[in-house]
């Protein structure tokens, strides 16, 4: 491969905000908005009574046995 060339990517690869010269101007705003929306949704969830939650290591710590339900507030 010559200098300045890139390896071909997967034909169906998703690059949500692009990159380089054609990078989206609103990517910072979109990521901030997505974080706030997720935080808002998570405040409306509660654990199901009797669910046994423990940490499991699968390359990174993950909750195992976590069951959630939506709660009206």
C-alpha atoms as a PDB file:
ATOM      1  CA  UNK A   1       0.000   0.000   0.000  1.00  0.00           C
ATOM      2  CA  UNK A   2       1.378   3.408  -0.935  1.00  0.00           C
ATOM      3  CA  UNK A   3       1.683   6.292   1.493  1.00  0.00           C
ATOM      4  CA  UNK A   4      -1.609   8.074   2.061  1.00  0.00           C
ATOM      5  CA  UNK A   5      -3.734   5.066   1.103  1.00  0.00           C
ATOM      6  CA  UNK A   6      -6.108   3.420   3.535  1.00  0.00           C
ATOM      7  CA  UNK A   7      -7.012  -0.213   3.832  1.00  0.00           C
ATOM      8  CA  UNK A   8     -10.464  -0.879   2.356  1.00  0.00           C
ATOM      9  CA  UNK A   9     -13.164  -1.044   5.016  1.00  0.00           C
ATOM     10  CA  UNK A  10     -16.102  -3.393   5.192  1.00  0.00           C
ATOM     11  CA  UNK A  11     -18.729  -2.430   2.607  1.00  0.00           C
ATOM     12  CA  UNK A  12     -21.500  -2.213   5.231  1.00  0.00           C
ATOM     13  CA  UNK A  13     -19.426  -0.661   8.052  1.00  0.00           C
ATOM     14  CA  UNK A  14     -21.221   2.077   9.986  1.00  0.00           C
ATOM     15  CA  UNK A  15     -19.344   5.308  10.604  1.00  0.00           C
ATOM     16  CA  UNK A  16     -22.099   7.353  12.280  1.00  0.00           C
ATOM     17  CA  UNK A  17     -20.456  10.788  12.196  1.00  0.00           C
ATOM     18  CA  UNK A  18     -17.969  10.275   9.409  1.00  0.00           C
ATOM     19  CA  UNK A  19     -14.383  11.307   9.866  1.00  0.00           C
ATOM     20  CA  UNK A  20     -11.588  13.459   8.561  1.00  0.00           C
ATOM     21  CA  UNK A  21     -12.581  16.397   6.391  1.00  0.00           C
ATOM     22  CA  UNK A  22     -16.213  15.255   6.153  1.00  0.00           C
ATOM     23  CA  UNK A  23     -16.754  14.834   9.900  1.00  0.00           C
ATOM     24  CA  UNK A  24     -20.215  15.838  11.087  1.00  0.00           C
ATOM     25  CA  UNK A  25     -20.360  19.264  12.731  1.00  0.00           C
ATOM     26  CA  UNK A  26     -23.073  18.101  15.145  1.00  0.00           C
ATOM     27  CA  UNK A  27     -21.380  14.935  16.442  1.00  0.00           C
ATOM     28  CA  UNK A  28     -20.532  16.414  19.854  1.00  0.00           C
ATOM     29  CA  UNK A  29     -24.102  17.620  20.325  1.00  0.00           C
ATOM     30  CA  UNK A  30     -25.541  14.266  19.225  1.00  0.00           C
ATOM     31  CA  UNK A  31     -23.353  12.305  21.662  1.00  0.00           C
ATOM     32  CA  UNK A  32     -24.291  14.657  24.529  1.00  0.00           C
ATOM     33  CA  UNK A  33     -27.977  14.382  23.659  1.00  0.00           C
ATOM     34  CA  UNK A  34     -27.789  10.566  23.463  1.00  0.00           C
ATOM     35  CA  UNK A  35     -26.142  10.455  26.908  1.00  0.00           C
ATOM     36  CA  UNK A  36     -28.883  12.622  28.420  1.00  0.00           C
ATOM     37  CA  UNK A  37     -31.656  10.562  26.802  1.00  0.00           C
ATOM     38  CA  UNK A  38     -30.150   7.314  28.083  1.00  0.00           C
ATOM     39  CA  UNK A  39     -29.788   8.767  31.591  1.00  0.00           C
ATOM     40  CA  UNK A  40     -33.419   9.908  31.472  1.00  0.00           C
ATOM     41  CA  UNK A  41     -34.621   6.432  30.448  1.00  0.00           C
ATOM     42  CA  UNK A  42     -32.517   4.701  33.107  1.00  0.00           C
ATOM     43  CA  UNK A  43     -34.098   6.802  35.891  1.00  0.00           C
ATOM     44  CA  UNK A  44     -37.426   5.172  35.006  1.00  0.00           C
ATOM     45  CA  UNK A  45     -36.179   1.600  35.470  1.00  0.00           C
ATOM     46  CA  UNK A  46     -36.141  -0.467  38.638  1.00  0.00           C
ATOM     47  CA  UNK A  47     -34.868  -3.974  39.390  1.00  0.00           C
ATOM     48  CA  UNK A  48     -37.376  -6.814  39.468  1.00  0.00           C
ATOM     49  CA  UNK A  49     -37.844  -8.072  43.052  1.00  0.00           C
ATOM     50  CA  UNK A  50     -36.066 -11.364  43.638  1.00  0.00           C
ATOM     51  CA  UNK A  51     -33.604 -10.987  40.757  1.00  0.00           C
ATOM     52  CA  UNK A  52     -30.123 -12.191  41.681  1.00  0.00           C
ATOM     53  CA  UNK A  53     -27.660  -9.634  40.300  1.00  0.00           C
ATOM     54  CA  UNK A  54     -23.945 -10.390  40.335  1.00  0.00           C
ATOM     55  CA  UNK A  55     -20.944  -9.189  38.367  1.00  0.00           C
ATOM     56  CA  UNK A  56     -19.592 -11.494  35.688  1.00  0.00           C
ATOM     57  CA  UNK A  57     -16.233 -10.992  33.973  1.00  0.00           C
ATOM     58  CA  UNK A  58     -16.435 -11.528  30.204  1.00  0.00           C
ATOM     59  CA  UNK A  59     -13.539  -9.342  29.125  1.00  0.00           C
ATOM     60  CA  UNK A  60     -15.196  -6.529  31.078  1.00  0.00           C
ATOM     61  CA  UNK A  61     -17.409  -6.522  34.156  1.00  0.00           C
ATOM     62  CA  UNK A  62     -21.066  -7.023  33.270  1.00  0.00           C
ATOM     63  CA  UNK A  63     -24.143  -7.511  35.423  1.00  0.00           C
ATOM     64  CA  UNK A  64     -25.439 -11.056  35.107  1.00  0.00           C
ATOM     65  CA  UNK A  65     -29.060 -11.867  35.969  1.00  0.00           C
ATOM     66  CA  UNK A  66     -30.096  -8.196  35.899  1.00  0.00           C
ATOM     67  CA  UNK A  67     -33.819  -7.888  35.197  1.00  0.00           C
ATOM     68  CA  UNK A  68     -35.406  -4.454  34.959  1.00  0.00           C
ATOM     69  CA  UNK A  69     -38.940  -3.131  34.676  1.00  0.00           C
ATOM     70  CA  UNK A  70     -40.291   0.276  33.714  1.00  0.00           C
ATOM     71  CA  UNK A  71     -41.821   2.241  36.581  1.00  0.00           C
ATOM     72  CA  UNK A  72     -44.298   5.094  36.140  1.00  0.00           C
ATOM     73  CA  UNK A  73     -43.112   8.232  37.918  1.00  0.00           C
END
